[in-house]
C-alpha atoms as a PDB file:
ATOM      1  CA  UNK A   1      59.014  52.701 116.455  1.00  0.00           C
ATOM      2  CA  UNK A   2      62.654  52.172 115.515  1.00  0.00           C
ATOM      3  CA  UNK A   3      65.487  53.613 117.564  1.00  0.00           C
ATOM      4  CA  UNK A   4      68.258  52.465 115.211  1.00  0.00           C
ATOM      5  CA  UNK A   5      68.744  52.025 111.484  1.00  0.00           C
ATOM      6  CA  UNK A   6      67.454  48.641 110.342  1.00  0.00           C
ATOM      7  CA  UNK A   7      67.247  46.772 107.044  1.00  0.00           C
ATOM      8  CA  UNK A   8      64.376  44.629 105.775  1.00  0.00           C
ATOM      9  CA  UNK A   9      63.721  42.838 102.453  1.00  0.00           C
ATOM     10  CA  UNK A  10      60.488  43.810 100.687  1.00  0.00           C
ATOM     11  CA  UNK A  11      58.987  41.619  97.969  1.00  0.00           C
ATOM     12  CA  UNK A  12      57.355  44.005  95.520  1.00  0.00           C
ATOM     13  CA  UNK A  13      55.245  41.257  93.902  1.00  0.00           C
ATOM     14  CA  UNK A  14      53.387  40.459  97.151  1.00  0.00           C
ATOM     15  CA  UNK A  15      53.188  44.093  98.184  1.00  0.00           C
ATOM     16  CA  UNK A  16      50.807  45.038  95.396  1.00  0.00           C
ATOM     17  CA  UNK A  17      47.991  45.436  97.896  1.00  0.00           C
ATOM     18  CA  UNK A  18      50.036  47.688 100.147  1.00  0.00           C
ATOM     19  CA  UNK A  19      48.817  51.152 100.831  1.00  0.00           C
ATOM     20  CA  UNK A  20      52.224  52.516  99.780  1.00  0.00           C
ATOM     21  CA  UNK A  21      53.883  51.331  96.567  1.00  0.00           C
ATOM     22  CA  UNK A  22      57.490  51.905  95.631  1.00  0.00           C
ATOM     23  CA  UNK A  23      57.961  53.398  92.204  1.00  0.00           C
ATOM     24  CA  UNK A  24      60.597  52.247  89.711  1.00  0.00           C
ATOM     25  CA  UNK A  25      62.809  55.148  90.584  1.00  0.00           C
ATOM     26  CA  UNK A  26      62.700  54.430  94.249  1.00  0.00           C
ATOM     27  CA  UNK A  27      60.099  57.059  95.158  1.00  0.00           C
ATOM     28  CA  UNK A  28      56.947  56.456  97.110  1.00  0.00           C
ATOM     29  CA  UNK A  29      53.356  57.333  96.325  1.00  0.00           C
ATOM     30  CA  UNK A  30      51.849  58.898  99.410  1.00  0.00           C
ATOM     31  CA  UNK A  31      53.264  61.004 102.196  1.00  0.00           C
ATOM     32  CA  UNK A  32      56.799  62.246 101.805  1.00  0.00           C
ATOM     33  CA  UNK A  33      59.281  60.205 103.794  1.00  0.00           C
ATOM     34  CA  UNK A  34      61.876  62.945 103.878  1.00  0.00           C
ATOM     35  CA  UNK A  35      59.408  65.475 105.240  1.00  0.00           C
ATOM     36  CA  UNK A  36      58.205  63.341 108.113  1.00  0.00           C
ATOM     37  CA  UNK A  37      61.597  61.904 108.928  1.00  0.00           C
ATOM     38  CA  UNK A  38      63.282  58.598 108.104  1.00  0.00           C
ATOM     39  CA  UNK A  39      62.480  55.934 110.692  1.00  0.00           C
ATOM     40  CA  UNK A  40      63.895  52.960 108.872  1.00  0.00           C
ATOM     41  CA  UNK A  41      66.093  51.906 106.004  1.00  0.00           C
ATOM     42  CA  UNK A  42      64.745  49.128 103.805  1.00  0.00           C
ATOM     43  CA  UNK A  43      65.970  47.284 100.731  1.00  0.00           C
ATOM     44  CA  UNK A  44      63.609  46.102  98.001  1.00  0.00           C
ATOM     45  CA  UNK A  45      64.211  42.666  96.493  1.00  0.00           C
ATOM     46  CA  UNK A  46      64.939  43.194  92.767  1.00  0.00           C
ATOM     47  CA  UNK A  47      62.785  41.633  90.059  1.00  0.00           C
ATOM     48  CA  UNK A  48      64.173  39.516  87.267  1.00  0.00           C
ATOM     49  CA  UNK A  49      66.433  41.580  85.061  1.00  0.00           C
ATOM     50  CA  UNK A  50      67.423  44.100  87.681  1.00  0.00           C
ATOM     51  CA  UNK A  51      71.090  44.159  88.584  1.00  0.00           C
ATOM     52  CA  UNK A  52      71.338  45.739  92.031  1.00  0.00           C
ATOM     53  CA  UNK A  53      69.259  46.216  95.112  1.00  0.00           C
ATOM     54  CA  UNK A  54      67.490  49.538  95.382  1.00  0.00           C
ATOM     55  CA  UNK A  55      67.328  51.250  98.731  1.00  0.00           C
ATOM     56  CA  UNK A  56      64.017  52.824  99.655  1.00  0.00           C
ATOM     57  CA  UNK A  57      63.604  55.209 102.581  1.00  0.00           C
ATOM     58  CA  UNK A  58      60.110  55.063 104.096  1.00  0.00           C
ATOM     59  CA  UNK A  59      58.323  56.170 107.199  1.00  0.00           C
ATOM     60  CA  UNK A  60      57.688  52.993 109.173  1.00  0.00           C
ATOM     61  CA  UNK A  61      54.788  54.619 111.015  1.00  0.00           C
ATOM     62  CA  UNK A  62      52.840  55.019 107.738  1.00  0.00           C
ATOM     63  CA  UNK A  63      53.524  51.601 106.199  1.00  0.00           C
ATOM     64  CA  UNK A  64      50.442  49.380 106.596  1.00  0.00           C
ATOM     65  CA  UNK A  65      50.172  46.215 104.529  1.00  0.00           C
ATOM     66  CA  UNK A  66      46.925  44.257 104.760  1.00  0.00           C
ATOM     67  CA  UNK A  67      46.765  40.613 103.752  1.00  0.00           C
ATOM     68  CA  UNK A  68      43.449  39.225 102.436  1.00  0.00           C
ATOM     69  CA  UNK A  69      44.200  35.988 104.310  1.00  0.00           C
ATOM     70  CA  UNK A  70      44.034  37.895 107.602  1.00  0.00           C
ATOM     71  CA  UNK A  71      40.668  39.467 106.835  1.00  0.00           C
ATOM     72  CA  UNK A  72      39.119  36.290 105.409  1.00  0.00           C
ATOM     73  CA  UNK A  73      40.443  33.120 107.115  1.00  0.00           C
ATOM     74  CA  UNK A  74      40.314  30.057 104.911  1.00  0.00           C
ATOM     75  CA  UNK A  75      40.056  27.477 107.728  1.00  0.00           C
ATOM     76  CA  UNK A  76      36.799  27.030 109.646  1.00  0.00           C
ATOM     77  CA  UNK A  77      36.832  28.129 113.289  1.00  0.00           C
ATOM     78  CA  UNK A  78      37.776  25.489 115.832  1.00  0.00           C
ATOM     79  CA  UNK A  79      36.392  25.174 119.339  1.00  0.00           C
ATOM     80  CA  UNK A  80      38.566  23.454 121.925  1.00  0.00           C
ATOM     81  CA  UNK A  81      36.802  22.009 124.980  1.00  0.00           C
ATOM     82  CA  UNK A  82      39.100  21.559 127.960  1.00  0.00           C
ATOM     83  CA  UNK A  83      38.309  18.843 130.541  1.00  0.00           C
ATOM     84  CA  UNK A  84      36.929  19.837 133.897  1.00  0.00           C
ATOM     85  CA  UNK A  85      39.565  20.658 136.463  1.00  0.00           C
ATOM     86  CA  UNK A  86      40.382  17.352 138.159  1.00  0.00           C
ATOM     87  CA  UNK A  87      42.518  16.460 141.172  1.00  0.00           C
ATOM     88  CA  UNK A  88      43.282  12.854 140.238  1.00  0.00           C
ATOM     89  CA  UNK A  89      45.373  12.364 143.385  1.00  0.00           C
ATOM     90  CA  UNK A  90      42.175  12.261 145.475  1.00  0.00           C
ATOM     91  CA  UNK A  91      40.855   9.148 143.698  1.00  0.00           C
ATOM     92  CA  UNK A  92      41.394   5.920 145.684  1.00  0.00           C
ATOM     93  CA  UNK A  93      42.074   2.462 144.272  1.00  0.00           C
ATOM     94  CA  UNK A  94      40.581  -0.132 146.630  1.00  0.00           C
ATOM     95  CA  UNK A  95      40.962  -3.933 146.710  1.00  0.00           C
ATOM     96  CA  UNK A  96      43.566  -3.893 143.927  1.00  0.00           C
ATOM     97  CA  UNK A  97      45.451  -7.245 143.800  1.00  0.00           C
ATOM     98  CA  UNK A  98      48.826  -6.907 145.508  1.00  0.00           C
ATOM     99  CA  UNK A  99      50.184 -10.381 144.716  1.00  0.00           C
ATOM    100  CA  UNK A 100      50.390 -12.639 141.690  1.00  0.00           C
ATOM    101  CA  UNK A 101      47.160 -13.985 140.226  1.00  0.00           C
ATOM    102  CA  UNK A 102      46.464 -16.924 137.941  1.00  0.00           C
ATOM    103  CA  UNK A 103      46.009 -16.479 134.218  1.00  0.00           C
ATOM    104  CA  UNK A 104      42.466 -16.674 132.825  1.00  0.00           C
ATOM    105  CA  UNK A 105      41.154 -15.459 136.175  1.00  0.00           C
ATOM    106  CA  UNK A 106      38.922 -12.448 136.778  1.00  0.00           C
ATOM    107  CA  UNK A 107      40.210  -9.396 138.652  1.00  0.00           C
ATOM    108  CA  UNK A 108      38.009  -6.742 140.246  1.00  0.00           C
ATOM    109  CA  UNK A 109      38.783  -3.572 142.182  1.00  0.00           C
ATOM    110  CA  UNK A 110      37.021  -0.390 143.302  1.00  0.00           C
ATOM    111  CA  UNK A 111      37.556   3.238 142.256  1.00  0.00           C
ATOM    112  CA  UNK A 112      36.432   5.758 144.886  1.00  0.00           C
ATOM    113  CA  UNK A 113      36.131   9.339 143.684  1.00  0.00           C
ATOM    114  CA  UNK A 114      36.232  11.141 147.088  1.00  0.00           C
ATOM    115  CA  UNK A 115      34.328  14.116 145.687  1.00  0.00           C
ATOM    116  CA  UNK A 116      36.169  14.322 142.354  1.00  0.00           C
ATOM    117  CA  UNK A 117      33.769  14.977 139.465  1.00  0.00           C
ATOM    118  CA  UNK A 118      34.146  13.444 136.036  1.00  0.00           C
ATOM    119  CA  UNK A 119      34.299  10.129 134.204  1.00  0.00           C
ATOM    120  CA  UNK A 120      36.745   7.253 134.617  1.00  0.00           C
ATOM    121  CA  UNK A 121      38.585   5.635 131.727  1.00  0.00           C
ATOM    122  CA  UNK A 122      40.132   2.245 132.562  1.00  0.00           C
ATOM    123  CA  UNK A 123      42.212   0.243 130.091  1.00  0.00           C
ATOM    124  CA  UNK A 124      43.966  -3.065 130.809  1.00  0.00           C
ATOM    125  CA  UNK A 125      46.950  -3.776 128.576  1.00  0.00           C
ATOM    126  CA  UNK A 126      48.144  -7.370 128.259  1.00  0.00           C
ATOM    127  CA  UNK A 127      51.766  -8.573 128.136  1.00  0.00           C
ATOM    128  CA  UNK A 128      51.808  -8.314 124.319  1.00  0.00           C
ATOM    129  CA  UNK A 129      50.230  -4.855 124.245  1.00  0.00           C
ATOM    130  CA  UNK A 130      46.691  -5.951 123.393  1.00  0.00           C
ATOM    131  CA  UNK A 131      43.765  -4.498 125.340  1.00  0.00           C
ATOM    132  CA  UNK A 132      41.644  -6.713 127.584  1.00  0.00           C
ATOM    133  CA  UNK A 133      37.877  -6.432 127.974  1.00  0.00           C
ATOM    134  CA  UNK A 134      36.946  -4.192 130.912  1.00  0.00           C
ATOM    135  CA  UNK A 135      33.536  -3.815 132.539  1.00  0.00           C
ATOM    136  CA  UNK A 136      32.731  -0.768 134.662  1.00  0.00           C
ATOM    137  CA  UNK A 137      29.782  -0.744 137.073  1.00  0.00           C
ATOM    138  CA  UNK A 138      28.696   2.163 139.268  1.00  0.00           C
ATOM    139  CA  UNK A 139      27.908   0.928 142.778  1.00  0.00           C
ATOM    140  CA  UNK A 140      26.950   4.338 144.164  1.00  0.00           C
ATOM    141  CA  UNK A 141      27.758   8.006 143.415  1.00  0.00           C
ATOM    142  CA  UNK A 142      31.214   7.584 144.957  1.00  0.00           C
ATOM    143  CA  UNK A 143      32.344   4.063 143.971  1.00  0.00           C
ATOM    144  CA  UNK A 144      32.834   2.247 140.680  1.00  0.00           C
ATOM    145  CA  UNK A 145      33.627  -1.467 140.355  1.00  0.00           C
ATOM    146  CA  UNK A 146      36.041  -2.515 137.601  1.00  0.00           C
ATOM    147  CA  UNK A 147      36.080  -6.135 136.356  1.00  0.00           C
ATOM    148  CA  UNK A 148      38.465  -7.612 133.798  1.00  0.00           C
ATOM    149  CA  UNK A 149      39.670 -11.026 132.619  1.00  0.00           C
ATOM    150  CA  UNK A 150      43.394 -11.844 132.345  1.00  0.00           C
ATOM    151  CA  UNK A 151      43.170 -13.933 129.185  1.00  0.00           C
ATOM    152  CA  UNK A 152      46.436 -13.085 127.401  1.00  0.00           C
ATOM    153  CA  UNK A 153      48.743 -15.500 129.195  1.00  0.00           C
ATOM    154  CA  UNK A 154      51.335 -15.040 131.899  1.00  0.00           C
ATOM    155  CA  UNK A 155      53.183 -11.758 132.268  1.00  0.00           C
ATOM    156  CA  UNK A 156      52.701  -8.178 133.377  1.00  0.00           C
ATOM    157  CA  UNK A 157      49.335  -6.510 132.850  1.00  0.00           C
ATOM    158  CA  UNK A 158      49.214  -2.698 132.912  1.00  0.00           C
ATOM    159  CA  UNK A 159      46.075  -1.026 134.243  1.00  0.00           C
ATOM    160  CA  UNK A 160      45.746   2.546 132.966  1.00  0.00           C
ATOM    161  CA  UNK A 161      43.291   4.643 134.995  1.00  0.00           C
ATOM    162  CA  UNK A 162      42.294   8.188 134.036  1.00  0.00           C
ATOM    163  CA  UNK A 163      39.750  10.635 135.411  1.00  0.00           C
ATOM    164  CA  UNK A 164      38.713  13.336 132.927  1.00  0.00           C
ATOM    165  CA  UNK A 165      41.719  12.367 130.757  1.00  0.00           C
ATOM    166  CA  UNK A 166      44.061  12.937 133.728  1.00  0.00           C
ATOM    167  CA  UNK A 167      46.089   9.883 134.758  1.00  0.00           C
ATOM    168  CA  UNK A 168      46.021   8.816 138.377  1.00  0.00           C
ATOM    169  CA  UNK A 169      49.305   9.007 140.296  1.00  0.00           C
ATOM    170  CA  UNK A 170      51.421   5.839 139.753  1.00  0.00           C
ATOM    171  CA  UNK A 171      49.272   4.826 136.763  1.00  0.00           C
ATOM    172  CA  UNK A 172      49.688   2.395 135.051  1.00  0.00           C
ATOM    173  CA  UNK A 173      49.242  -0.087 137.894  1.00  0.00           C
ATOM    174  CA  UNK A 174      50.810  -3.530 137.474  1.00  0.00           C
ATOM    175  CA  UNK A 175      49.156  -6.935 137.852  1.00  0.00           C
ATOM    176  CA  UNK A 176      51.417 -10.007 137.758  1.00  0.00           C
ATOM    177  CA  UNK A 177      49.772 -13.062 136.160  1.00  0.00           C
ATOM    178  CA  UNK A 178      51.347 -16.501 136.446  1.00  0.00           C
ATOM    179  CA  UNK A 179      50.446 -19.736 134.717  1.00  0.00           C
ATOM    180  CA  UNK A 180      48.498 -22.375 136.675  1.00  0.00           C
ATOM    181  CA  UNK A 181      50.464 -25.135 138.365  1.00  0.00           C
ATOM    182  CA  UNK A 182      50.757 -28.293 136.304  1.00  0.00           C
ATOM    183  CA  UNK A 183      48.971 -31.310 137.716  1.00  0.00           C
ATOM    184  CA  UNK A 184      51.053 -34.124 139.146  1.00  0.00           C
ATOM    185  CA  UNK A 185      51.027 -37.424 137.347  1.00  0.00           C
ATOM    186  CA  UNK A 186      49.469 -40.522 138.942  1.00  0.00           C
ATOM    187  CA  UNK A 187      52.863 -42.048 139.666  1.00  0.00           C
ATOM    188  CA  UNK A 188      54.077 -38.894 141.397  1.00  0.00           C
ATOM    189  CA  UNK A 189      50.949 -38.634 143.541  1.00  0.00           C
ATOM    190  CA  UNK A 190      51.178 -42.249 144.675  1.00  0.00           C
ATOM    191  CA  UNK A 191      54.897 -42.062 145.412  1.00  0.00           C
ATOM    192  CA  UNK A 192      54.679 -38.753 147.275  1.00  0.00           C
ATOM    193  CA  UNK A 193      51.430 -38.613 149.254  1.00  0.00           C
ATOM    194  CA  UNK A 194      52.688 -35.639 151.317  1.00  0.00           C
ATOM    195  CA  UNK A 195      52.776 -33.313 148.279  1.00  0.00           C
ATOM    196  CA  UNK A 196      49.366 -31.863 149.290  1.00  0.00           C
ATOM    197  CA  UNK A 197      49.328 -30.890 152.998  1.00  0.00           C
ATOM    198  CA  UNK A 198      46.321 -31.957 155.056  1.00  0.00           C
ATOM    199  CA  UNK A 199      45.029 -29.273 157.448  1.00  0.00           C
ATOM    200  CA  UNK A 200      43.030 -30.393 160.437  1.00  0.00           C
ATOM    201  CA  UNK A 201      41.014 -27.781 162.300  1.00  0.00           C
ATOM    202  CA  UNK A 202      37.694 -27.363 164.077  1.00  0.00           C
ATOM    203  CA  UNK A 203      36.104 -23.920 163.874  1.00  0.00           C
ATOM    204  CA  UNK A 204      33.604 -24.773 166.604  1.00  0.00           C
ATOM    205  CA  UNK A 205      36.415 -24.457 169.186  1.00  0.00           C
ATOM    206  CA  UNK A 206      37.197 -20.846 168.223  1.00  0.00           C
ATOM    207  CA  UNK A 207      36.353 -18.246 170.866  1.00  0.00           C
ATOM    208  CA  UNK A 208      35.756 -14.559 170.111  1.00  0.00           C
ATOM    209  CA  UNK A 209      35.222 -11.627 172.470  1.00  0.00           C
ATOM    210  CA  UNK A 210      35.241  -7.835 172.398  1.00  0.00           C
ATOM    211  CA  UNK A 211      32.992  -4.782 171.980  1.00  0.00           C
ATOM    212  CA  UNK A 212      33.666  -4.780 168.236  1.00  0.00           C
ATOM    213  CA  UNK A 213      31.384  -7.826 167.906  1.00  0.00           C
ATOM    214  CA  UNK A 214      28.338  -6.109 169.444  1.00  0.00           C
ATOM    215  CA  UNK A 215      28.740  -2.330 168.933  1.00  0.00           C
ATOM    216  CA  UNK A 216      30.042  -0.271 166.017  1.00  0.00           C
ATOM    217  CA  UNK A 217      31.388   3.259 166.522  1.00  0.00           C
ATOM    218  CA  UNK A 218      31.932   5.734 163.672  1.00  0.00           C
ATOM    219  CA  UNK A 219      34.129   7.992 165.815  1.00  0.00           C
ATOM    220  CA  UNK A 220      36.903   5.580 166.807  1.00  0.00           C
ATOM    221  CA  UNK A 221      38.379   2.197 165.957  1.00  0.00           C
ATOM    222  CA  UNK A 222      36.490  -0.953 166.884  1.00  0.00           C
ATOM    223  CA  UNK A 223      38.318  -3.996 168.250  1.00  0.00           C
ATOM    224  CA  UNK A 224      37.767  -7.630 169.185  1.00  0.00           C
ATOM    225  CA  UNK A 225      39.866 -10.768 169.785  1.00  0.00           C
ATOM    226  CA  UNK A 226      39.630 -14.197 168.161  1.00  0.00           C
ATOM    227  CA  UNK A 227      41.209 -17.114 170.055  1.00  0.00           C
ATOM    228  CA  UNK A 228      41.944 -20.092 167.771  1.00  0.00           C
ATOM    229  CA  UNK A 229      44.437 -21.818 170.062  1.00  0.00           C
ATOM    230  CA  UNK A 230      42.122 -24.816 170.617  1.00  0.00           C
ATOM    231  CA  UNK A 231      40.876 -25.063 167.017  1.00  0.00           C
ATOM    232  CA  UNK A 232      43.833 -26.676 165.283  1.00  0.00           C
ATOM    233  CA  UNK A 233      45.908 -25.142 162.498  1.00  0.00           C
ATOM    234  CA  UNK A 234      44.308 -22.978 159.828  1.00  0.00           C
ATOM    235  CA  UNK A 235      43.895 -19.384 158.644  1.00  0.00           C
ATOM    236  CA  UNK A 236      41.559 -16.689 159.950  1.00  0.00           C
ATOM    237  CA  UNK A 237      39.505 -14.697 157.434  1.00  0.00           C
ATOM    238  CA  UNK A 238      37.554 -11.593 158.524  1.00  0.00           C
ATOM    239  CA  UNK A 239      35.336  -9.365 156.365  1.00  0.00           C
ATOM    240  CA  UNK A 240      32.923  -6.512 157.136  1.00  0.00           C
ATOM    241  CA  UNK A 241      30.188  -5.325 154.780  1.00  0.00           C
ATOM    242  CA  UNK A 242      28.341  -2.047 155.362  1.00  0.00           C
ATOM    243  CA  UNK A 243      25.747   0.167 153.657  1.00  0.00           C
ATOM    244  CA  UNK A 244      28.252   1.187 150.985  1.00  0.00           C
ATOM    245  CA  UNK A 245      30.273  -1.978 150.699  1.00  0.00           C
ATOM    246  CA  UNK A 246      33.406  -3.111 152.576  1.00  0.00           C
ATOM    247  CA  UNK A 247      34.537  -1.083 155.576  1.00  0.00           C
ATOM    248  CA  UNK A 248      37.184   1.592 155.184  1.00  0.00           C
ATOM    249  CA  UNK A 249      39.903  -0.073 157.287  1.00  0.00           C
ATOM    250  CA  UNK A 250      40.390  -3.623 158.595  1.00  0.00           C
ATOM    251  CA  UNK A 251      43.472  -5.034 160.323  1.00  0.00           C
ATOM    252  CA  UNK A 252      44.046  -8.585 161.578  1.00  0.00           C
ATOM    253  CA  UNK A 253      47.166  -9.037 163.739  1.00  0.00           C
ATOM    254  CA  UNK A 254      48.474 -12.388 164.979  1.00  0.00           C
ATOM    255  CA  UNK A 255      49.522 -12.074 168.619  1.00  0.00           C
ATOM    256  CA  UNK A 256      50.944 -15.594 168.840  1.00  0.00           C
ATOM    257  CA  UNK A 257      49.587 -19.084 169.723  1.00  0.00           C
ATOM    258  CA  UNK A 258      46.768 -18.625 167.152  1.00  0.00           C
ATOM    259  CA  UNK A 259      45.328 -15.610 168.997  1.00  0.00           C
ATOM    260  CA  UNK A 260      44.355 -12.709 166.732  1.00  0.00           C
ATOM    261  CA  UNK A 261      43.386  -9.109 167.384  1.00  0.00           C
ATOM    262  CA  UNK A 262      41.030  -7.521 164.833  1.00  0.00           C
ATOM    263  CA  UNK A 263      40.571  -3.733 164.509  1.00  0.00           C
ATOM    264  CA  UNK A 264      38.385  -1.948 162.012  1.00  0.00           C
ATOM    265  CA  UNK A 265      37.077   1.543 161.265  1.00  0.00           C
ATOM    266  CA  UNK A 266      33.816   2.623 159.601  1.00  0.00           C
ATOM    267  CA  UNK A 267      32.565   6.059 158.567  1.00  0.00           C
ATOM    268  CA  UNK A 268      28.988   5.481 157.398  1.00  0.00           C
ATOM    269  CA  UNK A 269      26.125   4.962 159.866  1.00  0.00           C
ATOM    270  CA  UNK A 270      23.876   1.968 159.329  1.00  0.00           C
ATOM    271  CA  UNK A 271      23.803  -1.813 159.591  1.00  0.00           C
ATOM    272  CA  UNK A 272      26.912  -3.963 159.137  1.00  0.00           C
ATOM    273  CA  UNK A 273      27.584  -7.675 158.716  1.00  0.00           C
ATOM    274  CA  UNK A 274      30.817  -9.129 160.109  1.00  0.00           C
ATOM    275  CA  UNK A 275      32.005 -12.517 158.831  1.00  0.00           C
ATOM    276  CA  UNK A 276      34.798 -14.499 160.511  1.00  0.00           C
ATOM    277  CA  UNK A 277      35.987 -17.876 159.243  1.00  0.00           C
ATOM    278  CA  UNK A 278      38.576 -20.323 160.505  1.00  0.00           C
ATOM    279  CA  UNK A 279      39.634 -21.866 157.227  1.00  0.00           C
ATOM    280  CA  UNK A 280      36.421 -22.524 155.281  1.00  0.00           C
ATOM    281  CA  UNK A 281      34.141 -22.738 158.337  1.00  0.00           C
ATOM    282  CA  UNK A 282      32.378 -19.934 160.195  1.00  0.00           C
ATOM    283  CA  UNK A 283      33.393 -19.427 163.799  1.00  0.00           C
ATOM    284  CA  UNK A 284      30.584 -19.541 166.409  1.00  0.00           C
ATOM    285  CA  UNK A 285      28.282 -16.532 165.991  1.00  0.00           C
ATOM    286  CA  UNK A 286      29.428 -15.720 162.451  1.00  0.00           C
ATOM    287  CA  UNK A 287      28.057 -13.885 160.569  1.00  0.00           C
ATOM    288  CA  UNK A 288      27.528 -11.145 163.197  1.00  0.00           C
ATOM    289  CA  UNK A 289      24.824  -8.496 162.650  1.00  0.00           C
ATOM    290  CA  UNK A 290      25.979  -5.066 163.883  1.00  0.00           C
ATOM    291  CA  UNK A 291      24.628  -1.519 163.861  1.00  0.00           C
ATOM    292  CA  UNK A 292      26.257   1.827 164.461  1.00  0.00           C
ATOM    293  CA  UNK A 293      25.581   3.640 167.722  1.00  0.00           C
END
């Protein structure tokens, strides 16, 4: 057991239950240490009244000290339950606000599991560290909708998202809340009538064309064009709703002169509804009813 001479302090008071007990003269009760060979050199801690340390030669192979605490544990057994193995990087955060939002407004986004099993834990921390009320609703086996109210004033809100106690990459996510714009006084409004721009447009003059307005393919991207060059000045809004909610990918690109190209991709077969608005008005034909091939 030992290849070299070693020294160790033995407390004779706590060694009363040992199988081998050192006598007052330094001898041992039990097998002879000199006969079997000396495998270690140990020093016994003296009791009160003793002047010097007493060296005791013992056979380390025959020294077994049993502690009652080892045989009878005093603490009750504990069972630790580890969370299910989770790959949090596969979870997607959809429709999360990318720009600043107004205070006291509601924010909603979607968590998509992509096959990851487990439960989601979402906490929204206000600028002062207080937690905001969060509502979680399961839309289908894959998607959960999270709704919260930014009621703690302007500042940075931290959204902590965990799946099976494992934080998502880049969590916490940040939402910037700004205070609402102060209303102009009556004098200011009358003296500066151009403070609020007036947009003039006519959605009935918008023209749309393309296979993406009549057929939907799950294998490749769908595309159509919206021509707003004769409809005045405004903004184009496009949305697609399918069997499981919004489509996976939607891109609106301005080609110039108020002509837009819209591309989108879907993965679930079924019926879809496509909505296109020029400002607050539907373009001709909107909403479009589509179905996958």
